Amino acid sequence: MSAINEFKITQIVDNGQMVQLTLIENVSTEPISQKQMIIENVSKKLDAETKEQVMPLLEAILQAQPTVNINTYQQTQITIAMPKSRYNNMGRPQVGSTLEIDLKKPKDVNLSH
């Protein structure tokens, strides 16, 4: 079973012999504001008449608060270290480039003594 995932390079550390790439899952997320979440959750709990009275007050209160955007998806981060020759053979990808990584189910490991 294989699952090809795209990862975006966020950092490259090159010490001359080894190259370390830090990758983050290349997933587009749509940030949602904390204000929007509060309004939606309060709106679900109220009947139409109460909502008509409370929502303008709630929106006025929240207007004075700073907007905090929340990403609703935690992305996977991977760090890979490789010899510089391997990095060069990959075409020397830079920060912002995307790499496809095949994440396979690990095989069982049998240890014998």
N, C-alpha and C. Protein backbone atom coordinates (compact mmCIF):
# COMPACT_ATOMS: atom_id res chain seq x y z
N MET A 1 0.86 -1.18 0.00
CA MET A 1 0.00 0.00 0.00
C MET A 1 0.89 1.23 0.00
N SER A 2 0.68 2.12 -0.95
CA SER A 2 1.49 3.32 -0.98
C SER A 2 0.59 4.54 -1.01
N ALA A 3 1.09 5.58 -0.42
CA ALA A 3 0.36 6.85 -0.41
C ALA A 3 1.36 7.94 -0.75
N ILE A 4 1.19 8.53 -1.92
CA ILE A 4 2.09 9.61 -2.35
C ILE A 4 1.57 10.91 -1.74
N ASN A 5 2.42 11.61 -1.00
CA ASN A 5 2.07 12.87 -0.39
C ASN A 5 3.03 13.95 -0.87
N GLU A 6 2.50 15.16 -1.04
CA GLU A 6 3.34 16.29 -1.42
C GLU A 6 3.77 17.04 -0.17
N PHE A 7 5.06 17.36 -0.11
CA PHE A 7 5.61 18.14 0.99
C PHE A 7 6.34 19.33 0.41
N LYS A 8 6.24 20.47 1.09
CA LYS A 8 6.90 21.70 0.66
C LYS A 8 8.15 21.89 1.52
N ILE A 9 9.26 22.25 0.90
CA ILE A 9 10.51 22.50 1.62
C ILE A 9 10.39 23.85 2.33
N THR A 10 10.59 23.84 3.65
CA THR A 10 10.51 25.08 4.42
C THR A 10 11.88 25.56 4.90
N GLN A 11 12.86 24.65 4.94
CA GLN A 11 14.19 25.03 5.40
C GLN A 11 15.23 24.07 4.83
N ILE A 12 16.40 24.61 4.48
CA ILE A 12 17.52 23.79 4.02
C ILE A 12 18.74 24.18 4.83
N VAL A 13 19.41 23.16 5.39
CA VAL A 13 20.66 23.38 6.12
C VAL A 13 21.73 22.56 5.39
N ASP A 14 22.74 23.25 4.89
CA ASP A 14 23.81 22.61 4.11
C ASP A 14 25.13 22.83 4.84
N ASN A 15 25.74 21.74 5.34
CA ASN A 15 27.02 21.90 6.03
C ASN A 15 28.21 21.54 5.15
N GLY A 16 27.97 21.37 3.86
CA GLY A 16 29.06 21.07 2.94
C GLY A 16 29.06 19.62 2.51
N GLN A 17 28.86 18.69 3.45
CA GLN A 17 28.85 17.27 3.11
C GLN A 17 27.43 16.69 3.19
N MET A 18 26.65 17.19 4.14
CA MET A 18 25.28 16.71 4.34
C MET A 18 24.31 17.87 4.12
N VAL A 19 23.11 17.53 3.66
CA VAL A 19 22.05 18.51 3.49
C VAL A 19 20.85 18.03 4.30
N GLN A 20 20.28 18.94 5.08
CA GLN A 20 19.10 18.61 5.87
C GLN A 20 17.93 19.43 5.33
N LEU A 21 16.86 18.74 4.93
CA LEU A 21 15.66 19.40 4.43
C LEU A 21 14.55 19.29 5.47
N THR A 22 13.89 20.38 5.76
CA THR A 22 12.71 20.36 6.62
C THR A 22 11.51 20.57 5.71
N LEU A 23 10.57 19.63 5.78
CA LEU A 23 9.42 19.62 4.88
C LEU A 23 8.13 19.71 5.69
N ILE A 24 7.13 20.34 5.12
CA ILE A 24 5.81 20.38 5.74
C ILE A 24 4.80 19.96 4.69
N GLU A 25 3.79 19.25 5.12
CA GLU A 25 2.77 18.74 4.21
C GLU A 25 2.21 19.89 3.37
N ASN A 26 2.12 19.68 2.07
CA ASN A 26 1.64 20.71 1.15
C ASN A 26 0.11 20.61 1.05
N VAL A 27 -0.56 21.11 2.09
CA VAL A 27 -2.02 21.06 2.15
C VAL A 27 -2.53 22.49 2.27
N SER A 28 -3.48 22.83 1.45
CA SER A 28 -4.07 24.16 1.55
C SER A 28 -5.15 24.13 2.62
N THR A 29 -5.03 25.03 3.57
CA THR A 29 -6.07 25.13 4.59
C THR A 29 -6.69 26.51 4.50
N GLU A 30 -7.94 26.57 4.84
CA GLU A 30 -8.63 27.84 4.84
C GLU A 30 -8.76 28.29 6.29
N PRO A 31 -8.05 29.35 6.65
CA PRO A 31 -8.14 29.79 8.05
C PRO A 31 -9.54 30.28 8.38
N ILE A 32 -9.94 30.01 9.61
CA ILE A 32 -11.23 30.48 10.09
C ILE A 32 -10.95 31.37 11.28
N SER A 33 -11.67 32.47 11.38
CA SER A 33 -11.40 33.39 12.49
C SER A 33 -12.11 32.91 13.75
N GLN A 34 -11.52 33.24 14.87
CA GLN A 34 -12.08 32.89 16.16
C GLN A 34 -13.46 33.55 16.31
N LYS A 35 -13.59 34.79 15.82
CA LYS A 35 -14.87 35.50 15.87
C LYS A 35 -15.95 34.73 15.13
N GLN A 36 -15.59 34.26 13.94
CA GLN A 36 -16.55 33.52 13.11
C GLN A 36 -16.99 32.24 13.83
N MET A 37 -16.05 31.54 14.47
CA MET A 37 -16.39 30.32 15.20
C MET A 37 -17.34 30.61 16.36
N ILE A 38 -17.10 31.69 17.09
CA ILE A 38 -17.95 32.06 18.22
C ILE A 38 -19.36 32.39 17.72
N ILE A 39 -19.46 33.21 16.68
CA ILE A 39 -20.76 33.59 16.14
C ILE A 39 -21.53 32.36 15.67
N GLU A 40 -20.87 31.46 14.95
CA GLU A 40 -21.54 30.26 14.45
C GLU A 40 -22.01 29.38 15.59
N ASN A 41 -21.18 29.19 16.62
CA ASN A 41 -21.56 28.32 17.74
C ASN A 41 -22.70 28.92 18.56
N VAL A 42 -22.67 30.22 18.80
CA VAL A 42 -23.75 30.87 19.55
C VAL A 42 -25.04 30.82 18.73
N SER A 43 -24.93 31.05 17.44
CA SER A 43 -26.09 31.05 16.55
C SER A 43 -26.80 29.69 16.55
N LYS A 44 -26.04 28.61 16.64
CA LYS A 44 -26.63 27.27 16.66
C LYS A 44 -27.47 27.02 17.92
N LYS A 45 -27.11 27.68 19.01
CA LYS A 45 -27.74 27.42 20.30
C LYS A 45 -29.02 28.23 20.55
N LEU A 46 -29.24 29.27 19.74
CA LEU A 46 -30.34 30.19 20.02
C LEU A 46 -31.52 29.98 19.08
N ASP A 47 -32.73 30.24 19.61
CA ASP A 47 -33.91 30.24 18.75
C ASP A 47 -33.92 31.55 17.97
N ALA A 48 -34.79 31.65 16.98
CA ALA A 48 -34.81 32.78 16.05
C ALA A 48 -35.02 34.12 16.76
N GLU A 49 -35.92 34.16 17.73
CA GLU A 49 -36.23 35.42 18.41
C GLU A 49 -35.05 35.89 19.27
N THR A 50 -34.47 34.98 20.01
CA THR A 50 -33.32 35.32 20.87
C THR A 50 -32.12 35.71 20.00
N LYS A 51 -31.94 34.97 18.91
CA LYS A 51 -30.83 35.25 18.00
C LYS A 51 -30.94 36.68 17.46
N GLU A 52 -32.14 37.10 17.13
CA GLU A 52 -32.38 38.44 16.59
C GLU A 52 -31.96 39.52 17.59
N GLN A 53 -32.14 39.24 18.88
CA GLN A 53 -31.78 40.21 19.91
C GLN A 53 -30.31 40.14 20.29
N VAL A 54 -29.76 38.94 20.37
CA VAL A 54 -28.40 38.74 20.90
C VAL A 54 -27.31 38.96 19.86
N MET A 55 -27.53 38.53 18.62
CA MET A 55 -26.45 38.55 17.62
C MET A 55 -25.89 39.95 17.34
N PRO A 56 -26.71 41.01 17.22
CA PRO A 56 -26.11 42.33 17.02
C PRO A 56 -25.21 42.75 18.19
N LEU A 57 -25.61 42.41 19.41
CA LEU A 57 -24.80 42.71 20.59
C LEU A 57 -23.49 41.91 20.56
N LEU A 58 -23.59 40.62 20.26
CA LEU A 58 -22.41 39.77 20.20
C LEU A 58 -21.44 40.26 19.12
N GLU A 59 -21.95 40.60 17.96
CA GLU A 59 -21.10 41.10 16.88
C GLU A 59 -20.42 42.41 17.26
N ALA A 60 -21.12 43.27 17.98
CA ALA A 60 -20.52 44.53 18.45
C ALA A 60 -19.40 44.27 19.45
N ILE A 61 -19.62 43.32 20.35
CA ILE A 61 -18.59 42.96 21.34
C ILE A 61 -17.37 42.39 20.63
N LEU A 62 -17.60 41.48 19.69
CA LEU A 62 -16.49 40.82 19.00
C LEU A 62 -15.75 41.77 18.07
N GLN A 63 -16.41 42.80 17.60
CA GLN A 63 -15.78 43.79 16.71
C GLN A 63 -14.59 44.46 17.40
N ALA A 64 -14.70 44.60 18.72
CA ALA A 64 -13.63 45.26 19.49
C ALA A 64 -12.46 44.31 19.77
N GLN A 65 -12.64 43.02 19.52
CA GLN A 65 -11.60 42.03 19.80
C GLN A 65 -10.68 41.86 18.59
N PRO A 66 -9.42 41.53 18.83
CA PRO A 66 -8.52 41.28 17.69
C PRO A 66 -8.94 40.00 16.97
N THR A 67 -8.72 39.96 15.67
CA THR A 67 -9.06 38.77 14.88
C THR A 67 -7.93 37.77 15.01
N VAL A 68 -8.27 36.55 15.40
CA VAL A 68 -7.30 35.47 15.51
C VAL A 68 -7.72 34.41 14.51
N ASN A 69 -6.88 34.17 13.50
CA ASN A 69 -7.19 33.15 12.51
C ASN A 69 -6.63 31.81 12.98
N ILE A 70 -7.41 30.78 12.80
CA ILE A 70 -7.04 29.45 13.24
C ILE A 70 -6.99 28.54 12.03
N ASN A 71 -5.88 27.83 11.84
CA ASN A 71 -5.82 26.80 10.81
C ASN A 71 -6.43 25.55 11.42
N THR A 72 -7.34 24.94 10.70
CA THR A 72 -8.09 23.83 11.26
C THR A 72 -7.46 22.48 10.96
N TYR A 73 -6.21 22.45 10.52
CA TYR A 73 -5.56 21.20 10.15
C TYR A 73 -4.10 21.23 10.60
N GLN A 74 -3.71 20.26 11.37
CA GLN A 74 -2.30 20.20 11.79
C GLN A 74 -1.52 19.45 10.73
N GLN A 75 -0.50 20.10 10.21
CA GLN A 75 0.27 19.51 9.12
C GLN A 75 1.42 18.66 9.64
N THR A 76 1.73 17.61 8.89
CA THR A 76 2.86 16.75 9.21
C THR A 76 4.14 17.44 8.78
N GLN A 77 5.16 17.37 9.63
CA GLN A 77 6.47 17.94 9.32
C GLN A 77 7.49 16.82 9.33
N ILE A 78 8.39 16.84 8.35
CA ILE A 78 9.44 15.81 8.22
C ILE A 78 10.78 16.50 8.07
N THR A 79 11.82 15.95 8.71
CA THR A 79 13.18 16.43 8.49
C THR A 79 13.98 15.27 7.92
N ILE A 80 14.66 15.52 6.82
CA ILE A 80 15.45 14.49 6.13
C ILE A 80 16.89 14.98 6.02
N ALA A 81 17.82 14.12 6.38
CA ALA A 81 19.24 14.42 6.18
C ALA A 81 19.77 13.46 5.12
N MET A 82 20.56 13.99 4.18
CA MET A 82 21.10 13.16 3.11
C MET A 82 22.47 13.68 2.69
N PRO A 83 23.27 12.83 2.05
CA PRO A 83 24.55 13.30 1.53
C PRO A 83 24.31 14.36 0.46
N LYS A 84 25.23 15.29 0.37
CA LYS A 84 25.08 16.39 -0.59
C LYS A 84 24.98 15.87 -2.02
N SER A 85 25.67 14.79 -2.34
CA SER A 85 25.61 14.23 -3.70
C SER A 85 24.19 13.77 -4.04
N ARG A 86 23.49 13.20 -3.06
CA ARG A 86 22.09 12.77 -3.29
C ARG A 86 21.21 14.00 -3.53
N TYR A 87 21.43 15.04 -2.75
CA TYR A 87 20.68 16.29 -2.90
C TYR A 87 20.92 16.89 -4.30
N ASN A 88 22.17 16.88 -4.74
CA ASN A 88 22.50 17.39 -6.08
C ASN A 88 21.82 16.55 -7.17
N ASN A 89 21.78 15.21 -6.97
CA ASN A 89 21.14 14.32 -7.95
C ASN A 89 19.63 14.54 -8.02
N MET A 90 19.05 15.08 -6.95
CA MET A 90 17.61 15.38 -6.93
C MET A 90 17.30 16.67 -7.69
N GLY A 91 18.33 17.39 -8.09
CA GLY A 91 18.13 18.63 -8.82
C GLY A 91 18.21 19.86 -7.94
N ARG A 92 18.75 19.73 -6.74
CA ARG A 92 18.95 20.83 -5.80
C ARG A 92 17.67 21.65 -5.55
N PRO A 93 16.59 21.00 -5.09
CA PRO A 93 15.36 21.75 -4.82
C PRO A 93 15.59 22.82 -3.75
N GLN A 94 14.88 23.92 -3.87
CA GLN A 94 15.05 25.06 -2.97
C GLN A 94 13.83 25.22 -2.05
N VAL A 95 13.94 26.13 -1.07
CA VAL A 95 12.82 26.43 -0.18
C VAL A 95 11.63 26.85 -1.03
N GLY A 96 10.48 26.26 -0.75
CA GLY A 96 9.27 26.54 -1.52
C GLY A 96 8.98 25.48 -2.56
N SER A 97 10.01 24.68 -2.94
CA SER A 97 9.80 23.59 -3.89
C SER A 97 8.98 22.50 -3.22
N THR A 98 8.29 21.70 -4.04
CA THR A 98 7.53 20.58 -3.48
C THR A 98 8.18 19.27 -3.88
N LEU A 99 8.12 18.31 -2.98
CA LEU A 99 8.64 16.97 -3.22
C LEU A 99 7.50 15.99 -3.00
N GLU A 100 7.47 14.93 -3.82
CA GLU A 100 6.50 13.86 -3.60
C GLU A 100 7.21 12.76 -2.83
N ILE A 101 6.58 12.34 -1.75
CA ILE A 101 7.17 11.31 -0.90
C ILE A 101 6.18 10.16 -0.81
N ASP A 102 6.67 8.95 -1.04
CA ASP A 102 5.83 7.76 -0.98
C ASP A 102 5.88 7.23 0.46
N LEU A 103 4.78 7.38 1.17
CA LEU A 103 4.70 6.91 2.55
C LEU A 103 4.04 5.53 2.55
N LYS A 104 4.84 4.52 2.74
CA LYS A 104 4.34 3.14 2.71
C LYS A 104 4.13 2.63 4.12
N LYS A 105 3.26 1.66 4.21
CA LYS A 105 3.04 0.98 5.48
C LYS A 105 4.32 0.21 5.81
N PRO A 106 4.84 0.38 7.04
CA PRO A 106 6.09 -0.30 7.39
C PRO A 106 5.92 -1.82 7.35
N LYS A 107 6.93 -2.49 6.90
CA LYS A 107 6.91 -3.97 6.87
C LYS A 107 7.26 -4.48 8.27
N ASP A 108 6.77 -5.67 8.56
CA ASP A 108 7.12 -6.28 9.85
C ASP A 108 8.61 -6.56 9.89
N VAL A 109 9.21 -6.35 11.03
CA VAL A 109 10.63 -6.59 11.21
C VAL A 109 10.80 -7.82 12.08
N ASN A 110 11.55 -8.79 11.59
CA ASN A 110 11.84 -9.99 12.36
C ASN A 110 13.27 -9.93 12.83
N LEU A 111 13.46 -10.02 14.12
CA LEU A 111 14.80 -10.03 14.69
C LEU A 111 15.13 -11.44 15.12
N SER A 112 16.29 -11.94 14.68
CA SER A 112 16.72 -13.26 15.12
C SER A 112 18.03 -13.11 15.87
N HIS A 113 18.20 -13.97 16.85
CA HIS A 113 19.42 -13.91 17.69
C HIS A 113 20.43 -14.89 17.22
